[in-house]
Protein backbone atom coordinates (compact mmCIF):
# COMPACT_ATOMS: atom_id res chain seq x y z
CA MET A 1 74.49 74.94 224.25
CA LYS A 2 74.65 73.68 220.76
CA HIS A 3 71.55 75.30 219.81
CA LEU A 4 72.93 78.97 221.50
CA LYS A 5 76.11 78.14 219.75
CA ILE A 6 74.25 77.87 216.33
CA LYS A 7 72.28 80.92 217.60
CA HIS A 8 75.25 83.20 218.02
CA LEU A 9 76.77 81.84 214.98
CA PHE A 10 73.85 82.86 213.02
CA SER A 11 73.73 86.45 214.93
CA GLN A 12 77.32 87.08 213.65
CA TYR A 13 77.08 86.53 210.13
CA LYS A 14 73.70 86.83 209.18
CA ILE A 15 74.54 88.94 205.98
CA LEU A 16 76.39 86.05 205.27
CA ALA A 17 73.08 83.80 206.01
CA LEU A 18 71.20 86.08 203.78
CA LEU A 19 73.74 86.08 200.97
CA ILE A 20 73.29 82.27 200.70
CA ALA A 21 70.01 82.10 200.87
CA ILE A 22 69.74 84.41 197.76
CA GLY A 23 71.59 82.37 195.80
CA VAL A 24 69.76 79.30 196.69
CA ILE A 25 66.52 81.44 195.53
CA TRP A 26 68.77 82.09 192.65
CA ALA A 27 69.37 78.48 192.20
CA PHE A 28 66.44 77.27 192.47
CA PHE A 29 64.19 79.47 190.16
CA SER A 30 67.45 78.95 187.62
CA TRP A 31 66.52 75.69 187.62
CA LYS A 32 63.20 75.61 187.16
CA THR A 33 63.35 78.50 184.22
CA GLU A 34 66.40 76.66 182.65
CA GLY A 35 68.51 79.78 183.10
CA GLY A 36 66.25 81.85 182.13
CA PHE A 37 66.09 83.59 185.23
CA ILE A 38 70.16 84.53 185.95
CA SER A 39 70.05 85.64 182.37
CA PRO A 40 71.23 89.07 181.66
CA ARG A 41 67.82 90.74 180.39
CA ASN A 42 66.02 89.02 183.55
CA LEU A 43 68.59 89.93 186.15
CA SER A 44 68.49 93.70 184.75
CA ASN A 45 64.87 93.95 184.78
CA LEU A 46 64.74 92.15 188.81
CA MET A 47 67.72 94.57 190.14
CA ARG A 48 65.24 97.72 188.66
CA GLN A 49 62.54 96.13 190.31
CA MET A 50 64.24 96.31 193.33
CA ALA A 51 65.23 99.79 192.99
CA VAL A 52 62.20 101.24 194.27
CA THR A 53 61.91 99.04 197.09
CA GLY A 54 65.62 99.43 198.25
CA ILE A 55 65.16 103.37 198.07
CA LEU A 56 62.68 103.83 200.21
CA ALA A 57 64.54 100.36 202.22
CA CYS A 58 67.82 102.83 202.94
CA ALA A 59 65.40 105.29 204.93
CA MET A 60 63.05 102.96 206.32
CA ALA A 61 66.16 101.13 208.10
CA PHE A 62 67.19 104.64 209.96
CA VAL A 63 62.77 104.54 211.41
CA ILE A 64 63.07 101.09 212.41
CA ILE A 65 66.35 101.57 213.74
CA ALA A 66 64.87 104.45 215.58
CA GLY A 67 62.04 102.84 217.24
CA GLU A 68 59.40 103.78 215.02
CA ILE A 69 57.35 102.96 211.66
CA ASP A 70 55.53 104.58 208.55
CA LEU A 71 53.19 102.49 206.94
CA SER A 72 52.50 105.40 204.94
CA VAL A 73 55.37 105.19 202.34
CA GLY A 74 53.33 103.14 199.84
CA SER A 75 50.76 105.46 199.24
CA LEU A 76 52.99 108.59 199.58
CA LEU A 77 55.12 107.17 196.60
CA GLY A 78 52.24 106.81 194.85
CA LEU A 79 51.12 110.37 195.51
CA LEU A 80 54.46 111.88 194.68
CA GLY A 81 54.59 109.63 191.38
CA GLY A 82 51.29 110.92 190.24
CA VAL A 83 52.07 114.59 191.78
CA ALA A 84 55.32 113.96 189.12
CA ALA A 85 53.25 112.94 186.67
CA VAL A 86 50.64 115.43 186.25
CA LEU A 87 53.74 118.34 186.15
CA ASP A 88 55.16 116.46 183.44
CA VAL A 89 51.94 116.05 181.46
CA SER A 90 49.58 118.61 182.34
CA HIS A 91 51.94 121.48 182.99
CA HIS A 92 54.78 120.31 181.15
CA LEU A 93 57.32 121.85 183.46
CA PRO A 94 61.03 121.16 182.73
CA LEU A 95 62.25 117.83 184.05
CA PRO A 96 64.94 119.52 186.59
CA LEU A 97 61.94 121.50 187.63
CA THR A 98 59.43 118.80 188.26
CA VAL A 99 62.17 116.62 190.45
CA LEU A 100 62.96 119.86 192.36
CA VAL A 101 58.79 120.17 193.33
CA VAL A 102 58.42 116.68 194.10
CA LEU A 103 61.59 116.07 196.23
CA GLY A 104 60.35 119.40 198.18
CA CYS A 105 56.54 118.07 198.71
CA GLY A 106 58.14 114.33 199.63
CA LEU A 107 60.28 116.20 202.10
CA LEU A 108 57.70 118.42 203.59
CA LEU A 109 55.32 115.62 203.78
CA GLY A 110 57.89 113.26 205.54
CA MET A 111 58.44 116.73 208.00
CA VAL A 112 54.80 116.44 208.59
CA ASN A 113 54.56 112.37 209.36
CA GLY A 114 57.96 113.73 211.85
CA TYR A 115 56.51 116.64 213.61
CA LEU A 116 53.52 114.72 214.35
CA VAL A 117 55.20 111.69 216.16
CA ALA A 118 57.90 114.01 217.68
CA TYR A 119 56.38 116.59 219.07
CA ALA A 120 52.14 116.31 218.56
CA GLY A 121 53.06 112.47 220.23
CA ILE A 122 50.76 110.52 218.25
CA PRO A 123 52.42 106.95 217.73
CA SER A 124 53.80 106.30 214.63
CA PHE A 125 51.90 103.46 213.72
CA ILE A 126 48.69 105.41 213.79
CA VAL A 127 50.63 108.33 212.02
CA GLY A 128 51.30 106.19 209.17
CA LEU A 129 48.23 104.54 209.38
CA GLY A 130 46.35 107.97 209.01
CA GLY A 131 48.79 108.80 206.00
CA MET A 132 48.25 105.73 204.04
CA LEU A 133 44.45 106.53 203.54
CA ALA A 134 44.89 110.00 203.53
CA TYR A 135 47.61 110.10 200.78
CA ARG A 136 46.08 107.72 199.01
CA GLY A 137 42.89 109.69 198.71
CA ILE A 138 44.45 112.99 197.79
CA VAL A 139 46.37 111.26 194.85
CA LEU A 140 42.97 109.66 193.53
CA GLY A 141 41.81 113.60 193.43
CA VAL A 142 44.66 114.83 192.19
CA THR A 143 44.73 112.11 189.04
CA ASP A 144 41.56 112.02 188.81
CA GLY A 145 41.18 108.01 189.53
CA ALA A 146 42.73 107.71 186.01
CA THR A 147 46.28 106.78 184.79
CA VAL A 148 48.38 110.31 183.94
CA ALA A 149 50.51 109.56 180.43
CA PRO A 150 52.37 109.15 178.57
CA VAL A 151 55.79 111.51 180.56
CA SER A 152 58.21 113.06 178.94
CA ALA A 153 61.09 111.03 177.55
CA GLU A 154 63.37 113.01 179.50
CA MET A 155 61.55 111.27 182.31
CA VAL A 156 61.34 108.15 181.13
CA VAL A 157 65.02 108.22 180.93
CA LEU A 158 65.35 108.31 185.19
CA GLY A 159 63.69 104.85 185.02
CA GLN A 160 64.64 103.05 181.74
CA GLY A 161 67.95 104.76 181.16
CA TYR A 162 71.31 102.56 181.16
CA LEU A 163 74.47 103.40 182.13
CA SER A 164 77.16 102.11 178.91
CA ALA A 165 79.40 99.24 179.23
CA PRO A 166 82.42 101.41 179.36
CA LEU A 167 81.14 103.94 182.16
CA GLY A 168 79.62 100.60 184.18
CA VAL A 169 83.28 99.19 184.31
CA GLY A 170 84.47 102.75 185.44
CA LEU A 171 82.07 102.29 188.14
CA GLY A 172 83.12 98.87 188.85
CA VAL A 173 86.78 99.75 189.34
CA LEU A 174 86.07 103.06 191.37
CA LEU A 175 83.86 101.18 193.88
CA PHE A 176 86.70 98.35 194.26
CA ILE A 177 89.42 100.89 194.78
CA VAL A 178 86.97 102.68 197.37
CA ALA A 179 86.42 99.05 199.14
CA GLY A 180 90.51 99.10 199.25
CA LEU A 181 90.66 102.61 200.92
CA LEU A 182 88.15 101.89 203.44
CA SER A 183 89.44 98.49 204.25
CA TRP A 184 93.12 100.14 204.81
CA ARG A 185 91.47 103.43 206.65
CA ASN A 186 89.86 100.87 209.44
CA ARG A 187 93.23 99.09 209.37
CA ALA A 188 95.06 102.44 209.89
CA SER A 189 92.68 103.15 212.73
CA LEU A 190 92.81 100.08 214.50
CA ALA A 191 96.53 100.46 214.82
CA ARG A 192 96.24 104.34 215.85
CA HIS A 193 94.34 103.33 218.22
CA GLY A 194 96.44 100.09 219.88
CA LEU A 195 93.74 97.81 218.64
CA PRO A 196 94.35 94.09 217.89
CA LEU A 197 94.50 93.84 214.02
CA PRO A 198 92.98 90.85 211.92
CA PRO A 199 94.89 89.02 209.81
CA PRO A 200 95.62 90.73 206.69
CA TRP A 201 94.58 87.77 204.63
CA ARG A 202 91.11 87.83 206.04
CA ASP A 203 91.19 91.87 204.41
CA GLY A 204 92.36 90.23 201.22
CA LEU A 205 89.88 87.87 200.78
CA ARG A 206 86.98 90.41 201.33
CA LEU A 207 88.69 92.40 198.86
CA LEU A 208 88.96 89.60 196.81
CA VAL A 209 85.28 88.60 197.00
CA ILE A 210 84.17 92.46 196.46
CA GLY A 211 86.10 92.28 193.17
CA VAL A 212 84.88 88.98 192.61
CA VAL A 213 80.87 90.01 192.93
CA LEU A 214 81.59 93.53 191.05
CA ALA A 215 82.75 91.93 187.80
CA ALA A 216 80.48 89.26 188.32
CA PHE A 217 77.64 92.29 188.31
CA VAL A 218 79.43 94.16 186.08
CA ARG A 219 79.75 91.89 183.48
CA THR A 220 75.93 90.43 184.12
CA LEU A 221 74.51 93.67 183.34
CA ASN A 222 76.68 94.76 180.03
CA GLY A 223 75.72 91.81 178.81
CA TYR A 224 72.13 93.28 178.28
CA GLU A 225 72.03 97.48 178.06
CA GLY A 226 74.69 98.48 180.42
CA ILE A 227 73.91 99.07 184.28
CA PRO A 228 70.12 100.84 184.81
CA LEU A 229 70.16 104.17 186.18
CA PRO A 230 67.94 103.81 189.08
CA VAL A 231 70.30 100.56 190.52
CA LEU A 232 73.11 103.36 189.93
CA LEU A 233 70.66 105.23 192.21
CA VAL A 234 70.79 102.78 194.72
CA LEU A 235 74.57 102.31 195.15
CA VAL A 236 74.70 106.37 195.18
CA LEU A 237 72.14 105.75 198.72
CA LEU A 238 73.73 103.18 199.85
CA GLY A 239 76.85 104.89 200.36
CA ILE A 240 75.20 108.15 201.36
CA PHE A 241 72.91 106.42 204.15
CA SER A 242 76.15 103.81 204.82
CA TYR A 243 78.02 106.86 205.63
CA LEU A 244 75.69 108.81 207.96
CA ALA A 245 74.75 105.54 209.74
CA THR A 246 78.15 105.12 210.45
CA GLN A 247 80.37 108.08 210.27
CA THR A 248 78.17 110.55 211.49
CA VAL A 249 76.49 111.95 214.86
CA PHE A 250 73.33 112.21 213.33
CA GLY A 251 73.88 108.13 212.66
CA ARG A 252 74.98 107.59 216.20
CA ARG A 253 71.80 109.26 217.69
CA VAL A 254 69.81 107.52 215.44
CA TYR A 255 71.19 103.99 216.83
CA ALA A 256 70.93 105.51 220.44
CA VAL A 257 67.46 106.79 220.28
CA GLY A 258 66.22 103.27 219.13
CA SER A 259 68.02 102.09 222.02
CA ASN A 260 67.44 103.98 224.74
CA MET A 261 65.50 106.93 223.87
CA GLU A 262 65.41 108.24 227.66
CA ALA A 263 69.16 107.66 228.24
CA THR A 264 69.64 109.07 225.01
CA ARG A 265 67.47 112.43 226.02
CA LEU A 266 68.64 112.46 229.14
CA SER A 267 72.56 112.92 228.00
CA GLY A 268 71.25 115.83 226.29
CA VAL A 269 70.24 114.90 222.97
CA ASN A 270 67.15 116.51 221.00
CA VAL A 271 65.42 113.24 220.22
CA ARG A 272 62.63 115.32 218.96
CA ALA A 273 64.52 117.01 216.12
CA VAL A 274 66.41 113.35 215.00
CA LYS A 275 63.24 111.61 214.52
CA LEU A 276 61.58 114.81 212.84
CA TRP A 277 64.75 115.02 210.36
CA ILE A 278 64.32 110.60 209.80
CA PHE A 279 60.79 111.14 209.02
CA GLY A 280 61.95 113.93 206.71
CA LEU A 281 64.31 111.76 204.63
CA MET A 282 61.69 109.04 204.71
CA GLY A 283 59.63 111.68 202.66
CA LEU A 284 62.02 112.28 200.58
CA MET A 285 63.26 108.68 199.78
CA CYS A 286 59.16 108.57 198.83
CA ALA A 287 59.40 111.48 196.18
CA LEU A 288 62.37 109.62 194.83
CA ALA A 289 61.27 106.42 194.94
CA GLY A 290 57.71 108.14 193.00
CA LEU A 291 59.97 109.83 190.40
CA ILE A 292 61.69 106.62 189.61
CA ASN A 293 58.17 104.02 189.47
CA THR A 294 56.56 107.01 187.32
CA ALA A 295 58.98 107.13 185.08
CA ARG A 296 59.93 103.54 185.25
CA LEU A 297 56.24 102.59 183.93
CA ALA A 298 56.20 106.02 181.77
CA ALA A 299 53.14 106.77 183.34
CA GLY A 300 51.51 107.78 186.81
CA SER A 301 48.85 105.46 188.39
CA PRO A 302 46.17 106.22 191.29
CA SER A 303 47.44 102.48 192.29
CA ALA A 304 51.09 102.51 192.26
CA GLY A 305 52.43 101.66 195.59
CA THR A 306 50.07 100.00 196.46
CA ALA A 307 51.05 98.03 199.96
CA GLY A 308 54.52 98.43 198.83
CA GLU A 309 55.24 99.68 202.58
CA LEU A 310 54.76 96.20 203.47
CA ASP A 311 57.52 95.17 200.67
CA VAL A 312 59.72 97.71 202.04
CA ILE A 313 59.03 97.11 205.68
CA ALA A 314 59.97 93.08 205.38
CA ALA A 315 62.73 94.19 203.56
CA CYS A 316 64.21 95.81 206.41
CA PHE A 317 63.80 93.06 208.70
CA ILE A 318 64.72 90.06 206.25
CA GLY A 319 67.89 92.26 206.50
CA GLY A 320 68.43 92.47 210.14
CA THR A 321 67.28 95.27 211.27
CA SER A 322 65.58 94.68 214.39
CA MET A 323 62.02 95.45 215.35
CA ARG A 324 62.92 96.67 218.58
CA GLY A 325 64.88 99.04 217.38
CA GLY A 326 68.52 100.28 218.13
CA SER A 327 69.85 97.54 215.63
CA GLY A 328 70.26 97.30 212.03
CA THR A 329 72.21 98.22 208.53
CA VAL A 330 71.57 100.13 205.44
CA TYR A 331 73.30 97.10 203.06
CA GLY A 332 71.07 94.71 205.28
CA ALA A 333 67.85 96.17 204.32
CA LEU A 334 68.35 96.21 200.99
CA ILE A 335 69.73 92.51 200.79
CA GLY A 336 66.37 92.02 202.24
CA ALA A 337 65.08 93.85 199.27
CA LEU A 338 66.94 91.84 196.97
CA VAL A 339 65.30 88.89 198.24
CA MET A 340 62.08 89.95 198.24
CA ALA A 341 62.82 91.51 194.14
CA SER A 342 64.31 87.82 194.00
CA LEU A 343 60.94 85.77 194.97
CA ASP A 344 58.55 88.66 193.04
CA ASN A 345 60.35 87.93 189.85
CA GLY A 346 61.07 84.26 190.31
CA MET A 347 57.28 83.49 191.36
CA SER A 348 56.38 85.43 188.36
CA MET A 349 58.35 83.88 185.61
CA LEU A 350 56.85 80.28 186.97
CA ASP A 351 53.06 81.78 186.61
CA VAL A 352 52.44 81.14 190.62
CA ASP A 353 48.87 82.33 191.76
CA ALA A 354 49.13 85.42 193.33
CA TYR A 355 48.00 84.39 196.70
CA TRP A 356 50.78 81.71 196.79
CA GLN A 357 52.79 84.68 196.45
CA MET A 358 51.30 86.32 199.00
CA ILE A 359 51.50 83.51 201.50
CA VAL A 360 55.21 82.76 200.49
CA LYS A 361 56.78 86.68 201.35
CA GLY A 362 54.14 86.47 204.72
CA ALA A 363 55.77 83.31 205.71
CA ILE A 364 59.21 84.55 205.08
CA LEU A 365 58.65 87.92 207.19
CA THR A 366 57.36 86.44 210.08
CA LEU A 367 60.60 83.79 210.12
CA ALA A 368 62.59 86.70 209.79
CA VAL A 369 61.03 88.76 213.15
CA TRP A 370 61.38 84.66 214.49
CA VAL A 371 64.39 85.01 213.85
CA ASP A 372 65.57 88.30 215.25
CA VAL A 373 63.60 87.58 218.67
CA ALA A 374 65.36 84.02 218.81
CA THR A 375 69.08 85.55 217.95
CA ARG A 376 68.47 88.24 221.14
CA ALA A 377 67.18 85.97 223.13
CA GLY A 378 70.35 83.80 222.67
CA ARG A 379 72.49 86.58 223.46
CA ARG A 380 70.68 87.47 226.72
């Protein structure tokens, strides 16, 4: 009985457990680096590193919730980042046009993946595996196997630019106001439908925690150069994808498809179209991540994104997205991405051998899936 209660507690407060885990990881690495890990400069670098995985994790959460998987995202990121570099360096296209072309290519290739899964009936695992190989081959052809550099200063800003300190403070205040409005809206909705309201102190405590976290976030990043633009993009995407998941018909259909595809189809939902657009969104996020990665490195590398799909999938599983589909959150996937980035950053600072880094991340991924299996078994 006690064992089941622990499982239930963990399943109910999984995100809290993840935040505690991040706190433990940061405290450990801070101790081992004598405070270097939590310096404003390193945390800014950590957030920028996490941005690429976070962008992909927003869409990958939808893919996994729908009961599918996409192994091609790392290679597709590399391909689209290489295309962006070639258009910028070799063809000197204006940045807005380069961005539009790359986003269009990403959406198109994502839709091709979705068509093969939803309409051709090919398992998503095979489509992703084939795409992983094919896209990596195409990027080698596009770049002639060589690094394409240097990209224009305008593009570099996308990956290396910062939000000024006053704008960062304004953003923090705006996010706090939005959190307060959402909390008020939730209480009003519960009252309107005659449902029991949580104690006011609980909402107040939640807002207090959000305010403290936002203040620490803005103050720390402003202590270096400001909020990195890729991190700002991740925050915007968090809002967009969370809204899609919780406030739209499309989001409800994604969860329904992952929970019981046949029942969802019999209820009149076009399951194929839902899957097509999920993969389209995944391709679009690969394009964005490819642009940011190329801008951050100031070059297009044929090896960019290698094994990136593993970090993205691990971030989703660590963040509570179920491997069986039907459950998960976008913010959980981003917290999982932060866990992965923190481990990468901390172990690199400690000069941990590459093979140990792979072992640690593999063990954590296995643990995350085990927790998913154990908590689901405990709810039966």
